[in-house]
C-alpha atoms as a PDB file:
ATOM      1  CA  MET A   1       1.183 -11.782   5.975  1.00  0.00           C
ATOM      2  CA  PHE A   2       2.334 -13.038   9.366  1.00  0.00           C
ATOM      3  CA  SER A   3       2.685  -9.447  10.513  1.00  0.00           C
ATOM      4  CA  ASP A   4       2.753  -5.955   9.085  1.00  0.00           C
ATOM      5  CA  GLU A   5       6.546  -6.100   9.149  1.00  0.00           C
ATOM      6  CA  LEU A   6       7.025  -9.412   7.339  1.00  0.00           C
ATOM      7  CA  LYS A   7       8.329  -8.894   3.801  1.00  0.00           C
ATOM      8  CA  LEU A   8      10.193 -12.094   2.916  1.00  0.00           C
ATOM      9  CA  ILE A   9       9.237 -15.753   3.345  1.00  0.00           C
ATOM     10  CA  VAL A  10      12.118 -18.155   2.775  1.00  0.00           C
ATOM     11  CA  GLY A  11      11.555 -21.845   2.119  1.00  0.00           C
ATOM     12  CA  LEU A  12      14.535 -24.155   2.548  1.00  0.00           C
ATOM     13  CA  GLY A  13      15.324 -27.160   0.399  1.00  0.00           C
ATOM     14  CA  ASN A  14      17.656 -28.546  -2.237  1.00  0.00           C
ATOM     15  CA  PRO A  15      17.252 -27.541  -5.899  1.00  0.00           C
ATOM     16  CA  GLY A  16      16.696 -30.001  -8.719  1.00  0.00           C
ATOM     17  CA  ALA A  17      14.298 -32.779  -9.655  1.00  0.00           C
ATOM     18  CA  ASP A  18      16.171 -35.390  -7.589  1.00  0.00           C
ATOM     19  CA  TYR A  19      15.178 -33.609  -4.378  1.00  0.00           C
ATOM     20  CA  GLN A  20      11.654 -32.577  -5.303  1.00  0.00           C
ATOM     21  CA  LYS A  21       9.012 -33.443  -2.680  1.00  0.00           C
ATOM     22  CA  THR A  22      11.598 -34.909  -0.278  1.00  0.00           C
ATOM     23  CA  ARG A  23      11.265 -34.367   3.469  1.00  0.00           C
ATOM     24  CA  HIS A  24      14.145 -31.889   3.471  1.00  0.00           C
ATOM     25  CA  ASN A  25      12.223 -29.791   0.924  1.00  0.00           C
ATOM     26  CA  VAL A  26       9.034 -29.101   2.870  1.00  0.00           C
ATOM     27  CA  GLY A  27       9.969 -25.413   2.979  1.00  0.00           C
ATOM     28  CA  PHE A  28       9.946 -25.364  -0.820  1.00  0.00           C
ATOM     29  CA  MET A  29       6.636 -27.222  -0.871  1.00  0.00           C
ATOM     30  CA  VAL A  30       4.895 -24.617   1.286  1.00  0.00           C
ATOM     31  CA  LEU A  31       6.166 -21.765  -0.893  1.00  0.00           C
ATOM     32  CA  GLU A  32       5.116 -23.536  -4.076  1.00  0.00           C
ATOM     33  CA  GLU A  33       1.585 -23.836  -2.726  1.00  0.00           C
ATOM     34  CA  ILE A  34       1.519 -20.179  -1.624  1.00  0.00           C
ATOM     35  CA  ALA A  35       2.643 -19.185  -5.118  1.00  0.00           C
ATOM     36  CA  ARG A  36      -0.008 -21.385  -6.744  1.00  0.00           C
ATOM     37  CA  LYS A  37      -2.791 -19.907  -4.628  1.00  0.00           C
ATOM     38  CA  ASN A  38      -1.650 -16.365  -5.426  1.00  0.00           C
ATOM     39  CA  ASN A  39      -1.020 -16.974  -9.138  1.00  0.00           C
ATOM     40  CA  CYS A  40       2.631 -15.977  -9.017  1.00  0.00           C
ATOM     41  CA  SER A  41       5.448 -17.830 -10.753  1.00  0.00           C
ATOM     42  CA  PHE A  42       8.982 -18.358  -9.525  1.00  0.00           C
ATOM     43  CA  ARG A  43      11.809 -16.956 -11.612  1.00  0.00           C
ATOM     44  CA  GLU A  44      15.546 -17.415 -11.424  1.00  0.00           C
ATOM     45  CA  ASN A  45      17.317 -14.520  -9.736  1.00  0.00           C
ATOM     46  CA  LYS A  46      21.075 -14.932 -10.089  1.00  0.00           C
ATOM     47  CA  LYS A  47      21.794 -11.942  -7.859  1.00  0.00           C
ATOM     48  CA  LEU A  48      19.954 -13.626  -5.016  1.00  0.00           C
ATOM     49  CA  PHE A  49      21.207 -17.159  -5.753  1.00  0.00           C
ATOM     50  CA  GLY A  50      17.676 -18.480  -5.837  1.00  0.00           C
ATOM     51  CA  ARG A  51      14.196 -18.400  -7.298  1.00  0.00           C
ATOM     52  CA  THR A  52      11.790 -15.667  -6.298  1.00  0.00           C
ATOM     53  CA  CYS A  53       8.230 -14.535  -6.807  1.00  0.00           C
ATOM     54  CA  GLU A  54       6.064 -11.859  -5.236  1.00  0.00           C
ATOM     55  CA  TYR A  55       2.402 -11.166  -4.676  1.00  0.00           C
ATOM     56  CA  GLY A  56       0.384  -8.288  -3.274  1.00  0.00           C
ATOM     57  CA  THR A  57       1.029  -4.608  -3.803  1.00  0.00           C
ATOM     58  CA  GLY A  58       2.421  -1.705  -1.810  1.00  0.00           C
ATOM     59  CA  VAL A  59       2.848  -2.410   1.897  1.00  0.00           C
ATOM     60  CA  GLU A  60       1.089  -5.754   1.382  1.00  0.00           C
ATOM     61  CA  LYS A  61       3.724  -7.025  -1.057  1.00  0.00           C
ATOM     62  CA  THR A  62       5.285 -10.297   0.047  1.00  0.00           C
ATOM     63  CA  ARG A  63       8.305 -11.932  -1.548  1.00  0.00           C
ATOM     64  CA  LEU A  64       9.006 -15.655  -1.592  1.00  0.00           C
ATOM     65  CA  LEU A  65      12.544 -17.025  -1.863  1.00  0.00           C
ATOM     66  CA  MET A  66      13.755 -20.552  -2.578  1.00  0.00           C
ATOM     67  CA  PRO A  67      17.585 -20.677  -2.482  1.00  0.00           C
ATOM     68  CA  ASN A  68      19.368 -22.514  -5.307  1.00  0.00           C
ATOM     69  CA  THR A  69      22.502 -22.935  -3.230  1.00  0.00           C
ATOM     70  CA  PHE A  70      21.741 -26.351  -1.724  1.00  0.00           C
ATOM     71  CA  MET A  71      20.811 -26.586   1.920  1.00  0.00           C
ATOM     72  CA  ASN A  72      24.186 -26.012   3.570  1.00  0.00           C
ATOM     73  CA  GLU A  73      24.706 -22.698   1.736  1.00  0.00           C
ATOM     74  CA  SER A  74      21.171 -21.309   2.140  1.00  0.00           C
ATOM     75  CA  GLY A  75      22.484 -18.341   4.100  1.00  0.00           C
ATOM     76  CA  LYS A  76      24.254 -16.968   1.030  1.00  0.00           C
ATOM     77  CA  SER A  77      20.917 -16.557  -0.740  1.00  0.00           C
ATOM     78  CA  VAL A  78      19.052 -15.231   2.313  1.00  0.00           C
ATOM     79  CA  ARG A  79      21.748 -12.656   3.075  1.00  0.00           C
ATOM     80  CA  SER A  80      21.781 -11.511  -0.571  1.00  0.00           C
ATOM     81  CA  ALA A  81      17.977 -11.058  -0.563  1.00  0.00           C
ATOM     82  CA  LYS A  82      18.050  -9.230   2.772  1.00  0.00           C
ATOM     83  CA  ASP A  83      20.704  -6.808   1.514  1.00  0.00           C
ATOM     84  CA  TRP A  84      19.186  -6.366  -1.963  1.00  0.00           C
ATOM     85  CA  PHE A  85      15.731  -5.469  -0.639  1.00  0.00           C
ATOM     86  CA  ASN A  86      17.142  -3.677   2.405  1.00  0.00           C
ATOM     87  CA  PHE A  87      15.126  -5.770   4.849  1.00  0.00           C
ATOM     88  CA  GLU A  88      15.720  -6.135   8.563  1.00  0.00           C
ATOM     89  CA  ASN A  89      16.039  -9.575  10.172  1.00  0.00           C
ATOM     90  CA  ASN A  90      12.607  -9.204  11.786  1.00  0.00           C
ATOM     91  CA  GLN A  91      11.041  -8.799   8.337  1.00  0.00           C
ATOM     92  CA  LEU A  92      11.750 -12.366   7.253  1.00  0.00           C
ATOM     93  CA  ILE A  93      10.747 -15.846   8.317  1.00  0.00           C
ATOM     94  CA  VAL A  94      12.417 -19.117   7.355  1.00  0.00           C
ATOM     95  CA  LEU A  95      10.424 -22.316   6.753  1.00  0.00           C
ATOM     96  CA  ALA A  96      12.374 -25.531   7.326  1.00  0.00           C
ATOM     97  CA  ASP A  97      11.947 -29.205   8.146  1.00  0.00           C
ATOM     98  CA  ASP A  98      12.622 -30.454  11.671  1.00  0.00           C
ATOM     99  CA  MET A  99      13.420 -34.068  12.429  1.00  0.00           C
ATOM    100  CA  ASP A 100      13.011 -33.533  16.183  1.00  0.00           C
ATOM    101  CA  LEU A 101       9.323 -32.749  15.700  1.00  0.00           C
ATOM    102  CA  PRO A 102       6.846 -35.500  14.833  1.00  0.00           C
ATOM    103  CA  LEU A 103       5.084 -35.261  11.514  1.00  0.00           C
ATOM    104  CA  GLY A 104       2.044 -33.036  11.976  1.00  0.00           C
ATOM    105  CA  LYS A 105       3.647 -30.636  14.440  1.00  0.00           C
ATOM    106  CA  ILE A 106       4.734 -27.051  13.774  1.00  0.00           C
ATOM    107  CA  ARG A 107       6.915 -24.787  15.883  1.00  0.00           C
ATOM    108  CA  ILE A 108       7.638 -21.086  15.510  1.00  0.00           C
ATOM    109  CA  ARG A 109      10.700 -19.577  17.141  1.00  0.00           C
ATOM    110  CA  SER A 110      11.920 -15.987  16.969  1.00  0.00           C
ATOM    111  CA  LYS A 111      15.533 -16.957  17.726  1.00  0.00           C
ATOM    112  CA  GLY A 112      17.693 -19.861  18.790  1.00  0.00           C
ATOM    113  CA  SER A 113      20.325 -22.336  17.673  1.00  0.00           C
ATOM    114  CA  SER A 114      20.291 -24.247  14.393  1.00  0.00           C
ATOM    115  CA  GLY A 115      19.175 -27.423  16.146  1.00  0.00           C
ATOM    116  CA  GLY A 116      21.510 -29.327  13.846  1.00  0.00           C
ATOM    117  CA  HIS A 117      19.781 -28.074  10.693  1.00  0.00           C
ATOM    118  CA  ASN A 118      22.435 -27.147   8.113  1.00  0.00           C
ATOM    119  CA  GLY A 119      20.224 -24.619   6.348  1.00  0.00           C
ATOM    120  CA  ILE A 120      19.432 -22.722   9.553  1.00  0.00           C
ATOM    121  CA  LYS A 121      23.089 -22.946  10.572  1.00  0.00           C
ATOM    122  CA  SER A 122      24.159 -21.362   7.276  1.00  0.00           C
ATOM    123  CA  ILE A 123      21.636 -18.529   7.675  1.00  0.00           C
ATOM    124  CA  ILE A 124      22.841 -17.825  11.223  1.00  0.00           C
ATOM    125  CA  ASN A 125      26.424 -17.665   9.943  1.00  0.00           C
ATOM    126  CA  HIS A 126      25.622 -15.362   7.025  1.00  0.00           C
ATOM    127  CA  LEU A 127      23.326 -13.031   8.976  1.00  0.00           C
ATOM    128  CA  GLY A 128      25.678 -12.990  11.942  1.00  0.00           C
ATOM    129  CA  THR A 129      22.812 -13.582  14.354  1.00  0.00           C
ATOM    130  CA  SER A 130      20.360 -16.258  15.445  1.00  0.00           C
ATOM    131  CA  GLU A 131      17.614 -13.681  15.987  1.00  0.00           C
ATOM    132  CA  PHE A 132      15.293 -14.283  13.061  1.00  0.00           C
ATOM    133  CA  ARG A 133      11.961 -16.066  12.880  1.00  0.00           C
ATOM    134  CA  ARG A 134      11.851 -19.662  11.784  1.00  0.00           C
ATOM    135  CA  LEU A 135       8.871 -21.931  11.265  1.00  0.00           C
ATOM    136  CA  LYS A 136       9.835 -25.541  11.800  1.00  0.00           C
ATOM    137  CA  ILE A 137       7.751 -28.254  10.149  1.00  0.00           C
ATOM    138  CA  GLY A 138       7.968 -31.677  11.752  1.00  0.00           C
ATOM    139  CA  ILE A 139       9.015 -34.591   9.565  1.00  0.00           C
ATOM    140  CA  GLY A 140       9.680 -37.027  12.414  1.00  0.00           C
ATOM    141  CA  PRO A 141      12.884 -39.018  13.078  1.00  0.00           C
ATOM    142  CA  PRO A 142      13.939 -42.143  11.127  1.00  0.00           C
ATOM    143  CA  SER A 143      14.195 -44.019  14.416  1.00  0.00           C
ATOM    144  CA  ASN A 144      13.785 -43.451  18.138  1.00  0.00           C
ATOM    145  CA  GLU A 145      17.105 -45.173  18.797  1.00  0.00           C
ATOM    146  CA  GLN A 146      19.986 -42.694  18.711  1.00  0.00           C
ATOM    147  CA  LYS A 147      22.516 -44.920  16.922  1.00  0.00           C
ATOM    148  CA  GLU A 148      20.077 -46.008  14.233  1.00  0.00           C
ATOM    149  CA  ARG A 149      18.751 -42.481  13.885  1.00  0.00           C
ATOM    150  CA  LYS A 150      22.227 -41.143  13.171  1.00  0.00           C
ATOM    151  CA  SER A 151      22.962 -43.736  10.484  1.00  0.00           C
ATOM    152  CA  LYS A 152      19.624 -43.189   8.748  1.00  0.00           C
ATOM    153  CA  THR A 153      19.374 -39.388   8.955  1.00  0.00           C
ATOM    154  CA  ILE A 154      20.540 -38.610   5.411  1.00  0.00           C
ATOM    155  CA  SER A 155      18.387 -41.239   3.707  1.00  0.00           C
ATOM    156  CA  HIS A 156      15.433 -40.116   5.831  1.00  0.00           C
ATOM    157  CA  VAL A 157      15.576 -36.395   5.087  1.00  0.00           C
ATOM    158  CA  LEU A 158      16.287 -37.029   1.402  1.00  0.00           C
ATOM    159  CA  GLY A 159      13.505 -39.598   1.184  1.00  0.00           C
ATOM    160  CA  ARG A 160       9.974 -38.886   0.052  1.00  0.00           C
ATOM    161  CA  PHE A 161       6.775 -38.845   2.079  1.00  0.00           C
ATOM    162  CA  SER A 162       4.437 -41.812   1.925  1.00  0.00           C
ATOM    163  CA  LYS A 163       0.849 -41.313   0.754  1.00  0.00           C
ATOM    164  CA  GLU A 164      -0.330 -41.391   4.354  1.00  0.00           C
ATOM    165  CA  GLU A 165       2.282 -38.845   5.403  1.00  0.00           C
ATOM    166  CA  PHE A 166       1.316 -36.580   2.506  1.00  0.00           C
ATOM    167  CA  ILE A 167      -2.248 -36.405   3.814  1.00  0.00           C
ATOM    168  CA  ILE A 168      -0.966 -35.080   7.153  1.00  0.00           C
ATOM    169  CA  LEU A 169       1.505 -32.767   5.441  1.00  0.00           C
ATOM    170  CA  ASN A 170      -1.214 -31.229   3.287  1.00  0.00           C
ATOM    171  CA  PHE A 171      -3.165 -30.325   6.433  1.00  0.00           C
ATOM    172  CA  ILE A 172      -0.039 -28.644   7.805  1.00  0.00           C
ATOM    173  CA  ILE A 173       0.608 -26.683   4.610  1.00  0.00           C
ATOM    174  CA  GLU A 174      -3.020 -25.575   4.495  1.00  0.00           C
ATOM    175  CA  GLU A 175      -2.888 -24.389   8.116  1.00  0.00           C
ATOM    176  CA  ILE A 176       0.311 -22.411   7.536  1.00  0.00           C
ATOM    177  CA  ILE A 177      -1.188 -20.703   4.494  1.00  0.00           C
ATOM    178  CA  ASN A 178      -4.447 -19.996   6.315  1.00  0.00           C
ATOM    179  CA  CYS A 179      -2.457 -18.225   9.022  1.00  0.00           C
ATOM    180  CA  ILE A 180      -0.577 -16.193   6.447  1.00  0.00           C
ATOM    181  CA  GLU A 181      -3.830 -15.047   4.883  1.00  0.00           C
ATOM    182  CA  SER A 182      -5.968 -14.688   7.998  1.00  0.00           C
ATOM    183  CA  LYS A 183      -6.635 -11.495   9.923  1.00  0.00           C
ATOM    184  CA  ILE A 184      -5.186 -12.898  13.133  1.00  0.00           C
ATOM    185  CA  SER A 185      -1.807 -13.089  11.403  1.00  0.00           C
ATOM    186  CA  ASN A 186      -1.378  -9.392  12.174  1.00  0.00           C
ATOM    187  CA  ASN A 187      -0.784 -10.494  15.761  1.00  0.00           C
ATOM    188  CA  TRP A 188       2.469 -12.449  16.122  1.00  0.00           C
ATOM    189  CA  GLU A 189       1.573 -13.860  19.545  1.00  0.00           C
ATOM    190  CA  LYS A 190      -1.733 -15.240  18.286  1.00  0.00           C
ATOM    191  CA  ILE A 191      -0.239 -16.869  15.219  1.00  0.00           C
ATOM    192  CA  THR A 192       2.560 -18.400  17.262  1.00  0.00           C
ATOM    193  CA  THR A 193       0.082 -19.864  19.748  1.00  0.00           C
ATOM    194  CA  ARG A 194      -2.163 -21.157  16.972  1.00  0.00           C
ATOM    195  CA  LEU A 195       0.563 -22.905  14.990  1.00  0.00           C
ATOM    196  CA  ASN A 196       2.474 -24.221  17.992  1.00  0.00           C
ATOM    197  CA  SER A 197      -0.679 -25.910  19.312  1.00  0.00           C
ATOM    198  CA  TYR A 198      -1.996 -27.139  15.951  1.00  0.00           C
ATOM    199  CA  LYS A 199      -3.004 -30.780  15.549  1.00  0.00           C
ATOM    200  CA  PRO A 200      -3.852 -32.129  12.063  1.00  0.00           C
ATOM    201  CA  GLU A 201      -6.892 -34.034  13.295  1.00  0.00           C
ATOM    202  CA  ASN A 202      -8.551 -30.787  14.519  1.00  0.00           C
END
């Protein structure tokens, strides 16, 4: 786990086959790979408005959550899971895409604004605080020109990665999972430094 306190890893995305493997669903993609490596299967949990699975035992048990609420209502699912399992905000981390980061970059923040991300915004609203960890996975902007970027945002985030982009993304997913499973992940400062400085070509 990222730390001894971390109990819940939330991946953001939109449910349904139409959105599978889109840029906006990179949070889902990371969780699906974690589940595959740990031989756990996601199941519908109506109480939590999402799909969940868990691996590990005792204090090492980690739960994964993929909200079924669509991106702009993600907070409903996260708040329900937090209350159901009686977790504190510092015991969860949210994985989401970030258009302001180039593809191949990762950023961890322990608090802050939504940065325009509707899923993060919803979680802030439902938790009543912006003080929770989030791991932002760069997907790059559709354009460097502001006007064109704005008009192409929706088609960009709901579009799928190219084969070349998938190669980079797979390196990112592997690095995130390695940090989750590595011994250094018991130290939040070390894992933050490692992921924030990661470059896919290394």
